[in-house]
Amino acid sequence: KKMVKLASSLLQERLVGWDIGISDRGPVLIEGNADYGITMLQIACGGYRKHPVFKNVIDIVWPR
């Protein structure tokens, strides 16, 4: 979590999907994705749709 917060602080205000690997030496930041799998993964199971912050983002990006 600390590593992702540091990486996020280097970006201007953006929503990023982080790919993190776990190694023998701890977490490894693989990449950050501006186009992450919110549509197929989270909306399908109702995850982000129930979270108030992400619901606002979803409503802006994909208005009904």
PDB file of N, CA and C in Angstrom:
ATOM      1  N   LYS A   1       0.834  -1.184   0.000  1.00  0.00           N
ATOM      2  CA  LYS A   1       0.000   0.000   0.000  1.00  0.00           C
ATOM      3  C   LYS A   1       0.882   1.253   0.000  1.00  0.00           C
ATOM      4  N   LYS A   2       1.939   1.225   0.779  1.00  0.00           N
ATOM      5  CA  LYS A   2       2.852   2.366   0.853  1.00  0.00           C
ATOM      6  C   LYS A   2       3.495   2.637  -0.517  1.00  0.00           C
ATOM      7  N   MET A   3       3.897   1.574  -1.215  1.00  0.00           N
ATOM      8  CA  MET A   3       4.527   1.711  -2.518  1.00  0.00           C
ATOM      9  C   MET A   3       3.560   2.325  -3.538  1.00  0.00           C
ATOM     10  N   VAL A   4       2.316   1.888  -3.540  1.00  0.00           N
ATOM     11  CA  VAL A   4       1.323   2.415  -4.480  1.00  0.00           C
ATOM     12  C   VAL A   4       1.003   3.874  -4.158  1.00  0.00           C
ATOM     13  N   LYS A   5       0.946   4.206  -2.879  1.00  0.00           N
ATOM     14  CA  LYS A   5       0.713   5.612  -2.511  1.00  0.00           C
ATOM     15  C   LYS A   5       1.851   6.497  -3.007  1.00  0.00           C
ATOM     16  N   LEU A   6       3.082   6.023  -2.886  1.00  0.00           N
ATOM     17  CA  LEU A   6       4.229   6.783  -3.374  1.00  0.00           C
ATOM     18  C   LEU A   6       4.152   6.933  -4.894  1.00  0.00           C
ATOM     19  N   ALA A   7       3.890   5.843  -5.597  1.00  0.00           N
ATOM     20  CA  ALA A   7       3.777   5.908  -7.061  1.00  0.00           C
ATOM     21  C   ALA A   7       2.643   6.847  -7.481  1.00  0.00           C
ATOM     22  N   SER A   8       1.528   6.793  -6.781  1.00  0.00           N
ATOM     23  CA  SER A   8       0.386   7.660  -7.092  1.00  0.00           C
ATOM     24  C   SER A   8       0.711   9.127  -6.881  1.00  0.00           C
ATOM     25  N   SER A   9       1.558   9.401  -5.918  1.00  0.00           N
ATOM     26  CA  SER A   9       1.905  10.797  -5.629  1.00  0.00           C
ATOM     27  C   SER A   9       2.715  11.420  -6.767  1.00  0.00           C
ATOM     28  N   LEU A  10       3.284  10.596  -7.636  1.00  0.00           N
ATOM     29  CA  LEU A  10       4.066  11.095  -8.762  1.00  0.00           C
ATOM     30  C   LEU A  10       3.194  11.438  -9.971  1.00  0.00           C
ATOM     31  N   LEU A  11       1.918  11.081  -9.911  1.00  0.00           N
ATOM     32  CA  LEU A  11       0.997  11.340 -11.014  1.00  0.00           C
ATOM     33  C   LEU A  11       0.077  12.497 -10.675  1.00  0.00           C
ATOM     34  N   GLN A  12      -0.384  13.190 -11.695  1.00  0.00           N
ATOM     35  CA  GLN A  12      -1.417  14.189 -11.463  1.00  0.00           C
ATOM     36  C   GLN A  12      -2.718  13.443 -11.265  1.00  0.00           C
ATOM     37  N   GLU A  13      -3.728  14.128 -10.824  1.00  0.00           N
ATOM     38  CA  GLU A  13      -4.989  13.489 -10.445  1.00  0.00           C
ATOM     39  C   GLU A  13      -5.497  12.545 -11.530  1.00  0.00           C
ATOM     40  N   ARG A  14      -5.316  11.246 -11.292  1.00  0.00           N
ATOM     41  CA  ARG A  14      -5.752  10.213 -12.219  1.00  0.00           C
ATOM     42  C   ARG A  14      -6.188   8.983 -11.444  1.00  0.00           C
ATOM     43  N   LEU A  15      -7.099   8.259 -12.022  1.00  0.00           N
ATOM     44  CA  LEU A  15      -7.523   6.987 -11.460  1.00  0.00           C
ATOM     45  C   LEU A  15      -6.697   5.906 -12.145  1.00  0.00           C
ATOM     46  N   VAL A  16      -5.974   5.107 -11.371  1.00  0.00           N
ATOM     47  CA  VAL A  16      -5.041   4.134 -11.934  1.00  0.00           C
ATOM     48  C   VAL A  16      -5.315   2.762 -11.326  1.00  0.00           C
ATOM     49  N   GLY A  17      -5.257   1.742 -12.161  1.00  0.00           N
ATOM     50  CA  GLY A  17      -5.309   0.361 -11.691  1.00  0.00           C
ATOM     51  C   GLY A  17      -3.887  -0.157 -11.604  1.00  0.00           C
ATOM     52  N   TRP A  18      -3.426  -0.454 -10.414  1.00  0.00           N
ATOM     53  CA  TRP A  18      -2.041  -0.881 -10.222  1.00  0.00           C
ATOM     54  C   TRP A  18      -1.927  -2.397 -10.288  1.00  0.00           C
ATOM     55  N   ASP A  19      -0.923  -2.873 -11.014  1.00  0.00           N
ATOM     56  CA  ASP A  19      -0.587  -4.296 -11.024  1.00  0.00           C
ATOM     57  C   ASP A  19       0.599  -4.481 -10.084  1.00  0.00           C
ATOM     58  N   ILE A  20       0.392  -5.275  -9.059  1.00  0.00           N
ATOM     59  CA  ILE A  20       1.400  -5.505  -8.030  1.00  0.00           C
ATOM     60  C   ILE A  20       1.709  -6.997  -7.992  1.00  0.00           C
ATOM     61  N   GLY A  21       2.984  -7.327  -7.969  1.00  0.00           N
ATOM     62  CA  GLY A  21       3.409  -8.714  -7.809  1.00  0.00           C
ATOM     63  C   GLY A  21       3.992  -8.905  -6.418  1.00  0.00           C
ATOM     64  N   ILE A  22       3.955 -10.124  -5.954  1.00  0.00           N
ATOM     65  CA  ILE A  22       4.532 -10.440  -4.647  1.00  0.00           C
ATOM     66  C   ILE A  22       5.748 -11.334  -4.896  1.00  0.00           C
ATOM     67  N   SER A  23       6.910 -10.853  -4.458  1.00  0.00           N
ATOM     68  CA  SER A  23       8.152 -11.620  -4.635  1.00  0.00           C
ATOM     69  C   SER A  23       8.655 -12.093  -3.273  1.00  0.00           C
ATOM     70  N   ASP A  24       9.750 -12.816  -3.301  1.00  0.00           N
ATOM     71  CA  ASP A  24      10.377 -13.255  -2.052  1.00  0.00           C
ATOM     72  C   ASP A  24      10.866 -12.064  -1.224  1.00  0.00           C
ATOM     73  N   ARG A  25      11.086 -10.937  -1.892  1.00  0.00           N
ATOM     74  CA  ARG A  25      11.592  -9.734  -1.213  1.00  0.00           C
ATOM     75  C   ARG A  25      10.490  -8.727  -0.898  1.00  0.00           C
ATOM     76  N   GLY A  26       9.233  -9.091  -1.178  1.00  0.00           N
ATOM     77  CA  GLY A  26       8.115  -8.194  -0.902  1.00  0.00           C
ATOM     78  C   GLY A  26       7.401  -7.794  -2.180  1.00  0.00           C
ATOM     79  N   PRO A  27       6.526  -6.782  -2.099  1.00  0.00           N
ATOM     80  CA  PRO A  27       5.742  -6.374  -3.261  1.00  0.00           C
ATOM     81  C   PRO A  27       6.602  -5.708  -4.339  1.00  0.00           C
ATOM     82  N   VAL A  28       6.169  -5.905  -5.597  1.00  0.00           N
ATOM     83  CA  VAL A  28       6.854  -5.326  -6.751  1.00  0.00           C
ATOM     84  C   VAL A  28       5.806  -4.608  -7.596  1.00  0.00           C
ATOM     85  N   LEU A  29       6.071  -3.351  -7.911  1.00  0.00           N
ATOM     86  CA  LEU A  29       5.165  -2.601  -8.769  1.00  0.00           C
ATOM     87  C   LEU A  29       5.449  -2.986 -10.218  1.00  0.00           C
ATOM     88  N   ILE A  30       4.476  -3.583 -10.877  1.00  0.00           N
ATOM     89  CA  ILE A  30       4.650  -4.032 -12.255  1.00  0.00           C
ATOM     90  C   ILE A  30       4.280  -2.915 -13.222  1.00  0.00           C
ATOM     91  N   GLU A  31       3.085  -2.346 -13.058  1.00  0.00           N
ATOM     92  CA  GLU A  31       2.651  -1.258 -13.933  1.00  0.00           C
ATOM     93  C   GLU A  31       1.411  -0.597 -13.365  1.00  0.00           C
ATOM     94  N   GLY A  32       1.102   0.565 -13.915  1.00  0.00           N
ATOM     95  CA  GLY A  32      -0.141   1.254 -13.629  1.00  0.00           C
ATOM     96  C   GLY A  32      -0.927   1.383 -14.919  1.00  0.00           C
ATOM     97  N   ASN A  33      -2.221   1.122 -14.851  1.00  0.00           N
ATOM     98  CA  ASN A  33      -3.057   1.131 -16.044  1.00  0.00           C
ATOM     99  C   ASN A  33      -4.169   2.168 -15.927  1.00  0.00           C
ATOM    100  N   ALA A  34      -4.228   3.060 -16.904  1.00  0.00           N
ATOM    101  CA  ALA A  34      -5.317   4.044 -16.935  1.00  0.00           C
ATOM    102  C   ALA A  34      -6.615   3.369 -17.351  1.00  0.00           C
ATOM    103  N   ASP A  35      -6.521   2.309 -18.139  1.00  0.00           N
ATOM    104  CA  ASP A  35      -7.696   1.573 -18.595  1.00  0.00           C
ATOM    105  C   ASP A  35      -7.695   0.216 -17.907  1.00  0.00           C
ATOM    106  N   TYR A  36      -8.144   0.210 -16.671  1.00  0.00           N
ATOM    107  CA  TYR A  36      -8.129  -1.020 -15.890  1.00  0.00           C
ATOM    108  C   TYR A  36      -9.469  -1.739 -16.007  1.00  0.00           C
ATOM    109  N   GLY A  37      -9.571  -2.939 -15.482  1.00  0.00           N
ATOM    110  CA  GLY A  37     -10.714  -3.813 -15.705  1.00  0.00           C
ATOM    111  C   GLY A  37     -11.942  -3.540 -14.872  1.00  0.00           C
ATOM    112  N   ILE A  38     -12.330  -2.311 -14.707  1.00  0.00           N
ATOM    113  CA  ILE A  38     -13.506  -2.001 -13.893  1.00  0.00           C
ATOM    114  C   ILE A  38     -14.788  -2.521 -14.527  1.00  0.00           C
ATOM    115  N   THR A  39     -14.901  -2.443 -15.822  1.00  0.00           N
ATOM    116  CA  THR A  39     -16.156  -2.811 -16.469  1.00  0.00           C
ATOM    117  C   THR A  39     -16.484  -4.279 -16.274  1.00  0.00           C
ATOM    118  N   MET A  40     -15.599  -5.153 -16.655  1.00  0.00           N
ATOM    119  CA  MET A  40     -15.895  -6.580 -16.624  1.00  0.00           C
ATOM    120  C   MET A  40     -15.813  -7.183 -15.227  1.00  0.00           C
ATOM    121  N   LEU A  41     -14.870  -6.746 -14.441  1.00  0.00           N
ATOM    122  CA  LEU A  41     -14.654  -7.389 -13.149  1.00  0.00           C
ATOM    123  C   LEU A  41     -15.532  -6.811 -12.043  1.00  0.00           C
ATOM    124  N   GLN A  42     -15.400  -5.536 -11.786  1.00  0.00           N
ATOM    125  CA  GLN A  42     -16.051  -4.963 -10.619  1.00  0.00           C
ATOM    126  C   GLN A  42     -17.535  -4.650 -10.814  1.00  0.00           C
ATOM    127  N   ILE A  43     -17.891  -4.100 -11.946  1.00  0.00           N
ATOM    128  CA  ILE A  43     -19.302  -3.773 -12.155  1.00  0.00           C
ATOM    129  C   ILE A  43     -20.121  -5.064 -12.247  1.00  0.00           C
ATOM    130  N   ALA A  44     -19.569  -6.082 -12.885  1.00  0.00           N
ATOM    131  CA  ALA A  44     -20.281  -7.351 -13.036  1.00  0.00           C
ATOM    132  C   ALA A  44     -20.668  -7.952 -11.688  1.00  0.00           C
ATOM    133  N   CYS A  45     -19.797  -7.806 -10.699  1.00  0.00           N
ATOM    134  CA  CYS A  45     -20.105  -8.373  -9.383  1.00  0.00           C
ATOM    135  C   CYS A  45     -20.622  -7.324  -8.399  1.00  0.00           C
ATOM    136  N   GLY A  46     -20.796  -6.091  -8.859  1.00  0.00           N
ATOM    137  CA  GLY A  46     -21.367  -5.057  -8.000  1.00  0.00           C
ATOM    138  C   GLY A  46     -20.399  -4.429  -7.024  1.00  0.00           C
ATOM    139  N   GLY A  47     -19.095  -4.649  -7.183  1.00  0.00           N
ATOM    140  CA  GLY A  47     -18.115  -4.126  -6.227  1.00  0.00           C
ATOM    141  C   GLY A  47     -18.021  -2.616  -6.189  1.00  0.00           C
ATOM    142  N   TYR A  48     -17.479  -2.020  -7.241  1.00  0.00           N
ATOM    143  CA  TYR A  48     -17.301  -0.568  -7.252  1.00  0.00           C
ATOM    144  C   TYR A  48     -18.630   0.181  -7.281  1.00  0.00           C
ATOM    145  N   ARG A  49     -19.624  -0.400  -7.879  1.00  0.00           N
ATOM    146  CA  ARG A  49     -20.913   0.292  -8.005  1.00  0.00           C
ATOM    147  C   ARG A  49     -21.491   0.645  -6.628  1.00  0.00           C
ATOM    148  N   LYS A  50     -21.151  -0.131  -5.613  1.00  0.00           N
ATOM    149  CA  LYS A  50     -21.666   0.118  -4.262  1.00  0.00           C
ATOM    150  C   LYS A  50     -20.818   1.117  -3.475  1.00  0.00           C
ATOM    151  N   HIS A  51     -19.614   1.406  -3.931  1.00  0.00           N
ATOM    152  CA  HIS A  51     -18.714   2.319  -3.233  1.00  0.00           C
ATOM    153  C   HIS A  51     -19.024   3.748  -3.683  1.00  0.00           C
ATOM    154  N   PRO A  52     -19.324   4.683  -2.765  1.00  0.00           N
ATOM    155  CA  PRO A  52     -19.772   6.019  -3.165  1.00  0.00           C
ATOM    156  C   PRO A  52     -18.776   6.800  -4.026  1.00  0.00           C
ATOM    157  N   VAL A  53     -17.484   6.691  -3.765  1.00  0.00           N
ATOM    158  CA  VAL A  53     -16.500   7.428  -4.561  1.00  0.00           C
ATOM    159  C   VAL A  53     -16.456   6.880  -5.984  1.00  0.00           C
ATOM    160  N   PHE A  54     -16.362   5.567  -6.113  1.00  0.00           N
ATOM    161  CA  PHE A  54     -16.299   4.974  -7.446  1.00  0.00           C
ATOM    162  C   PHE A  54     -17.632   5.103  -8.177  1.00  0.00           C
ATOM    163  N   LYS A  55     -18.742   5.108  -7.437  1.00  0.00           N
ATOM    164  CA  LYS A  55     -20.043   5.294  -8.073  1.00  0.00           C
ATOM    165  C   LYS A  55     -20.078   6.641  -8.784  1.00  0.00           C
ATOM    166  N   ASN A  56     -19.540   7.680  -8.172  1.00  0.00           N
ATOM    167  CA  ASN A  56     -19.489   8.995  -8.821  1.00  0.00           C
ATOM    168  C   ASN A  56     -18.651   8.946 -10.094  1.00  0.00           C
ATOM    169  N   VAL A  57     -17.515   8.261 -10.051  1.00  0.00           N
ATOM    170  CA  VAL A  57     -16.662   8.136 -11.239  1.00  0.00           C
ATOM    171  C   VAL A  57     -17.405   7.373 -12.335  1.00  0.00           C
ATOM    172  N   ILE A  58     -18.030   6.269 -11.965  1.00  0.00           N
ATOM    173  CA  ILE A  58     -18.775   5.465 -12.935  1.00  0.00           C
ATOM    174  C   ILE A  58     -19.888   6.289 -13.569  1.00  0.00           C
ATOM    175  N   ASP A  59     -20.608   7.057 -12.756  1.00  0.00           N
ATOM    176  CA  ASP A  59     -21.694   7.875 -13.281  1.00  0.00           C
ATOM    177  C   ASP A  59     -21.215   8.943 -14.245  1.00  0.00           C
ATOM    178  N   ILE A  60     -19.996   9.437 -14.043  1.00  0.00           N
ATOM    179  CA  ILE A  60     -19.435  10.440 -14.954  1.00  0.00           C
ATOM    180  C   ILE A  60     -18.950   9.780 -16.247  1.00  0.00           C
ATOM    181  N   VAL A  61     -18.236   8.665 -16.099  1.00  0.00           N
ATOM    182  CA  VAL A  61     -17.650   8.011 -17.267  1.00  0.00           C
ATOM    183  C   VAL A  61     -18.706   7.269 -18.100  1.00  0.00           C
ATOM    184  N   TRP A  62     -19.621   6.583 -17.416  1.00  0.00           N
ATOM    185  CA  TRP A  62     -20.661   5.824 -18.114  1.00  0.00           C
ATOM    186  C   TRP A  62     -22.034   6.256 -17.622  1.00  0.00           C
ATOM    187  N   PRO A  63     -22.500   7.455 -18.030  1.00  0.00           N
ATOM    188  CA  PRO A  63     -23.818   7.906 -17.564  1.00  0.00           C
ATOM    189  C   PRO A  63     -24.921   6.987 -18.084  1.00  0.00           C
ATOM    190  N   ARG A  64     -25.936   6.847 -17.284  1.00  0.00           N
ATOM    191  CA  ARG A  64     -27.062   5.980 -17.676  1.00  0.00           C
ATOM    192  C   ARG A  64     -28.074   6.737 -18.476  1.00  0.00           C
TER     193      ARG A  64
END
